[in-house]
Amino acid sequence: MDKTNPSPETDHQPPETDHQPPETDHQPPETDHQPSETGHQPSETVTARIIIRGIVQGVYFRVSTRNIARKYSVYGWVRNNKDSSVEAVFEGRREDVESALAWCKEGPPGARVDETHVSWTGKIENFKSFHVDYESS
């Protein structure tokens, strides 16, 4: 095909008009997702372990923790330790894990949380559920 003499069929341009198509915004809505206090993106999958000390056994801490894990859609486990602490592992979206950890620092009614220790394991376990381990460690 000779490019110097385009055919009228291929060189047809629509007439110019002042009519503009309605503006549409095909951009995803802006969200408030900001990196967490640790600087990571909130949607990444993370695993964290928390040890809770204080009056945390005999106050429904484990069952309440399971309910909180379900609320935030995180997986893992919770158990009593022989030293009277409670230990839990949470895995899921960073913001959900952080919410579960924040709850553990307060605990259920009747509990008194004196101290917590959180460690980010860096290892994804791919838990399929959240369960209460009724065997003390």
C-alpha atoms as a PDB file:
ATOM      1  CA  MET A   1       0.000   0.000   0.000  1.00  0.00           C
ATOM      2  CA  ASP A   2       1.248   3.433  -0.945  1.00  0.00           C
ATOM      3  CA  LYS A   3       1.493   5.605   2.210  1.00  0.00           C
ATOM      4  CA  THR A   4       1.952   8.815   0.216  1.00  0.00           C
ATOM      5  CA  ASN A   5      -1.554   8.627  -1.166  1.00  0.00           C
ATOM      6  CA  PRO A   6      -3.824   7.172   1.506  1.00  0.00           C
ATOM      7  CA  SER A   7      -7.178   5.913   0.380  1.00  0.00           C
ATOM      8  CA  PRO A   8     -10.202   7.907   1.508  1.00  0.00           C
ATOM      9  CA  GLU A   9     -11.433   4.902   3.481  1.00  0.00           C
ATOM     10  CA  THR A  10      -8.416   4.806   5.800  1.00  0.00           C
ATOM     11  CA  ASP A  11      -7.929   8.548   6.083  1.00  0.00           C
ATOM     12  CA  HIS A  12     -11.458   9.311   7.233  1.00  0.00           C
ATOM     13  CA  GLN A  13     -11.571  11.381  10.405  1.00  0.00           C
ATOM     14  CA  PRO A  14     -14.804  12.116  12.277  1.00  0.00           C
ATOM     15  CA  PRO A  15     -15.862  15.736  12.028  1.00  0.00           C
ATOM     16  CA  GLU A  16     -14.705  17.931  14.863  1.00  0.00           C
ATOM     17  CA  THR A  17     -17.472  18.918  17.254  1.00  0.00           C
ATOM     18  CA  ASP A  18     -17.767  20.647  20.591  1.00  0.00           C
ATOM     19  CA  HIS A  19     -19.515  17.583  21.973  1.00  0.00           C
ATOM     20  CA  GLN A  20     -17.373  15.813  24.539  1.00  0.00           C
ATOM     21  CA  PRO A  21     -18.208  12.345  25.832  1.00  0.00           C
ATOM     22  CA  PRO A  22     -19.273  12.283  29.471  1.00  0.00           C
ATOM     23  CA  GLU A  23     -16.323  12.052  31.787  1.00  0.00           C
ATOM     24  CA  THR A  24     -15.957   8.718  33.471  1.00  0.00           C
ATOM     25  CA  ASP A  25     -13.499   7.784  36.127  1.00  0.00           C
ATOM     26  CA  HIS A  26     -12.176   4.318  35.509  1.00  0.00           C
ATOM     27  CA  GLN A  27      -9.583   4.643  38.247  1.00  0.00           C
ATOM     28  CA  PRO A  28      -9.966   2.432  41.316  1.00  0.00           C
ATOM     29  CA  PRO A  29     -11.258   4.336  44.315  1.00  0.00           C
ATOM     30  CA  GLU A  30      -8.607   5.819  46.538  1.00  0.00           C
ATOM     31  CA  THR A  31      -8.139   4.011  49.803  1.00  0.00           C
ATOM     32  CA  ASP A  32      -6.657   4.945  53.105  1.00  0.00           C
ATOM     33  CA  HIS A  33      -4.267   1.982  52.966  1.00  0.00           C
ATOM     34  CA  GLN A  34      -0.994   3.343  54.194  1.00  0.00           C
ATOM     35  CA  PRO A  35       2.059   1.360  55.165  1.00  0.00           C
ATOM     36  CA  SER A  36       1.696   0.110  58.714  1.00  0.00           C
ATOM     37  CA  GLU A  37       3.794   1.386  61.582  1.00  0.00           C
ATOM     38  CA  THR A  38       6.395  -1.215  60.611  1.00  0.00           C
ATOM     39  CA  GLY A  39       6.604   0.255  57.096  1.00  0.00           C
ATOM     40  CA  HIS A  40       5.122  -2.706  55.221  1.00  0.00           C
ATOM     41  CA  GLN A  41       2.175  -2.637  52.866  1.00  0.00           C
ATOM     42  CA  PRO A  42      -1.019  -3.607  54.700  1.00  0.00           C
ATOM     43  CA  SER A  43      -2.185  -6.330  52.321  1.00  0.00           C
ATOM     44  CA  GLU A  44       0.872  -8.563  52.554  1.00  0.00           C
ATOM     45  CA  THR A  45       0.552 -11.886  54.404  1.00  0.00           C
ATOM     46  CA  VAL A  46       2.488 -12.010  57.654  1.00  0.00           C
ATOM     47  CA  THR A  47       2.876 -14.271  60.669  1.00  0.00           C
ATOM     48  CA  ALA A  48       3.290 -12.976  64.217  1.00  0.00           C
ATOM     49  CA  ARG A  49       3.665 -14.677  67.587  1.00  0.00           C
ATOM     50  CA  ILE A  50       2.541 -13.024  70.808  1.00  0.00           C
ATOM     51  CA  ILE A  51       3.106 -14.062  74.412  1.00  0.00           C
ATOM     52  CA  ILE A  52       0.727 -12.458  76.902  1.00  0.00           C
ATOM     53  CA  ARG A  53       1.481 -12.299  80.637  1.00  0.00           C
ATOM     54  CA  GLY A  54      -0.716 -11.242  83.535  1.00  0.00           C
ATOM     55  CA  ILE A  55      -4.070 -12.649  84.628  1.00  0.00           C
ATOM     56  CA  VAL A  56      -4.700 -14.367  81.318  1.00  0.00           C
ATOM     57  CA  GLN A  57      -5.643 -17.936  82.195  1.00  0.00           C
ATOM     58  CA  GLY A  58      -9.071 -18.884  83.501  1.00  0.00           C
ATOM     59  CA  VAL A  59     -10.651 -15.740  82.001  1.00  0.00           C
ATOM     60  CA  TYR A  60     -11.674 -17.121  78.563  1.00  0.00           C
ATOM     61  CA  PHE A  61      -8.633 -15.571  76.908  1.00  0.00           C
ATOM     62  CA  ARG A  62      -8.127 -18.449  74.458  1.00  0.00           C
ATOM     63  CA  VAL A  63     -11.753 -18.699  73.328  1.00  0.00           C
ATOM     64  CA  SER A  64     -11.999 -14.912  73.070  1.00  0.00           C
ATOM     65  CA  THR A  65      -8.790 -14.875  71.024  1.00  0.00           C
ATOM     66  CA  ARG A  66     -10.257 -17.471  68.664  1.00  0.00           C
ATOM     67  CA  ASN A  67     -13.356 -15.283  68.228  1.00  0.00           C
ATOM     68  CA  ILE A  68     -11.193 -12.229  67.506  1.00  0.00           C
ATOM     69  CA  ALA A  69      -9.134 -14.236  65.002  1.00  0.00           C
ATOM     70  CA  ARG A  70     -12.333 -15.192  63.204  1.00  0.00           C
ATOM     71  CA  LYS A  71     -13.525 -11.579  63.278  1.00  0.00           C
ATOM     72  CA  TYR A  72     -10.328 -10.434  61.565  1.00  0.00           C
ATOM     73  CA  SER A  73     -10.035 -13.506  59.288  1.00  0.00           C
ATOM     74  CA  VAL A  74      -6.634 -14.559  60.585  1.00  0.00           C
ATOM     75  CA  TYR A  75      -5.433 -18.125  61.037  1.00  0.00           C
ATOM     76  CA  GLY A  76      -3.156 -19.829  63.548  1.00  0.00           C
ATOM     77  CA  TRP A  77      -3.577 -21.011  67.118  1.00  0.00           C
ATOM     78  CA  VAL A  78      -3.683 -19.994  70.786  1.00  0.00           C
ATOM     79  CA  ARG A  79      -2.683 -21.954  73.897  1.00  0.00           C
ATOM     80  CA  ASN A  80      -1.970 -21.683  77.609  1.00  0.00           C
ATOM     81  CA  ASN A  81       1.645 -22.107  78.639  1.00  0.00           C
ATOM     82  CA  LYS A  82       2.747 -23.811  81.864  1.00  0.00           C
ATOM     83  CA  ASP A  83       4.260 -20.519  83.080  1.00  0.00           C
ATOM     84  CA  SER A  84       0.690 -19.041  83.232  1.00  0.00           C
ATOM     85  CA  SER A  85       1.117 -17.024  80.028  1.00  0.00           C
ATOM     86  CA  VAL A  86      -0.966 -17.323  76.871  1.00  0.00           C
ATOM     87  CA  GLU A  87       0.715 -17.693  73.499  1.00  0.00           C
ATOM     88  CA  ALA A  88      -0.833 -17.146  70.072  1.00  0.00           C
ATOM     89  CA  VAL A  89       0.287 -17.207  66.461  1.00  0.00           C
ATOM     90  CA  PHE A  90      -1.634 -15.135  63.919  1.00  0.00           C
ATOM     91  CA  GLU A  91      -1.259 -15.314  60.155  1.00  0.00           C
ATOM     92  CA  GLY A  92      -3.066 -13.216  57.578  1.00  0.00           C
ATOM     93  CA  ARG A  93      -3.161  -9.768  56.059  1.00  0.00           C
ATOM     94  CA  ARG A  94      -0.876  -7.438  57.977  1.00  0.00           C
ATOM     95  CA  GLU A  95      -3.609  -5.029  59.068  1.00  0.00           C
ATOM     96  CA  ASP A  96      -5.765  -7.917  60.338  1.00  0.00           C
ATOM     97  CA  VAL A  97      -2.885  -9.486  62.266  1.00  0.00           C
ATOM     98  CA  GLU A  98      -2.071  -6.089  63.785  1.00  0.00           C
ATOM     99  CA  SER A  99      -5.723  -5.713  64.856  1.00  0.00           C
ATOM    100  CA  ALA A 100      -5.685  -9.139  66.541  1.00  0.00           C
ATOM    101  CA  LEU A 101      -2.402  -8.296  68.291  1.00  0.00           C
ATOM    102  CA  ALA A 102      -3.830  -4.980  69.506  1.00  0.00           C
ATOM    103  CA  TRP A 103      -6.813  -6.822  70.981  1.00  0.00           C
ATOM    104  CA  CYS A 104      -4.477  -9.264  72.788  1.00  0.00           C
ATOM    105  CA  LYS A 105      -2.796  -6.330  74.518  1.00  0.00           C
ATOM    106  CA  GLU A 106      -6.155  -5.571  76.173  1.00  0.00           C
ATOM    107  CA  GLY A 107      -7.707  -9.037  76.398  1.00  0.00           C
ATOM    108  CA  PRO A 108     -11.247 -10.043  77.304  1.00  0.00           C
ATOM    109  CA  PRO A 109     -13.201  -8.736  80.313  1.00  0.00           C
ATOM    110  CA  GLY A 110     -11.752 -10.278  83.457  1.00  0.00           C
ATOM    111  CA  ALA A 111      -8.216 -10.459  82.097  1.00  0.00           C
ATOM    112  CA  ARG A 112      -5.373  -8.223  83.172  1.00  0.00           C
ATOM    113  CA  VAL A 113      -2.602  -7.964  80.614  1.00  0.00           C
ATOM    114  CA  ASP A 114       0.643  -6.898  82.274  1.00  0.00           C
ATOM    115  CA  GLU A 115       3.101  -7.607  79.476  1.00  0.00           C
ATOM    116  CA  THR A 116       3.170  -8.741  75.860  1.00  0.00           C
ATOM    117  CA  HIS A 117       5.989  -9.784  73.597  1.00  0.00           C
ATOM    118  CA  VAL A 118       5.414  -9.811  69.826  1.00  0.00           C
ATOM    119  CA  SER A 119       7.745 -11.341  67.264  1.00  0.00           C
ATOM    120  CA  TRP A 120       7.257 -11.298  63.505  1.00  0.00           C
ATOM    121  CA  THR A 121       8.369 -14.716  62.350  1.00  0.00           C
ATOM    122  CA  GLY A 122       8.951 -13.983  58.666  1.00  0.00           C
ATOM    123  CA  LYS A 123       7.750 -17.506  57.895  1.00  0.00           C
ATOM    124  CA  ILE A 124       4.348 -18.150  56.322  1.00  0.00           C
ATOM    125  CA  GLU A 125       2.837 -21.333  57.759  1.00  0.00           C
ATOM    126  CA  ASN A 126      -0.276 -21.391  55.521  1.00  0.00           C
ATOM    127  CA  PHE A 127      -2.646 -22.200  58.373  1.00  0.00           C
ATOM    128  CA  LYS A 128      -6.131 -23.199  57.193  1.00  0.00           C
ATOM    129  CA  SER A 129      -8.030 -22.184  60.345  1.00  0.00           C
ATOM    130  CA  PHE A 130      -7.602 -20.753  63.825  1.00  0.00           C
ATOM    131  CA  HIS A 131      -7.798 -23.213  66.683  1.00  0.00           C
ATOM    132  CA  VAL A 132      -7.472 -23.369  70.448  1.00  0.00           C
ATOM    133  CA  ASP A 133      -4.765 -25.765  71.597  1.00  0.00           C
ATOM    134  CA  TYR A 134      -6.024 -27.214  74.868  1.00  0.00           C
ATOM    135  CA  GLU A 135      -2.679 -28.856  75.693  1.00  0.00           C
ATOM    136  CA  SER A 136      -0.414 -26.645  77.801  1.00  0.00           C
ATOM    137  CA  SER A 137       3.081 -26.117  76.550  1.00  0.00           C
END
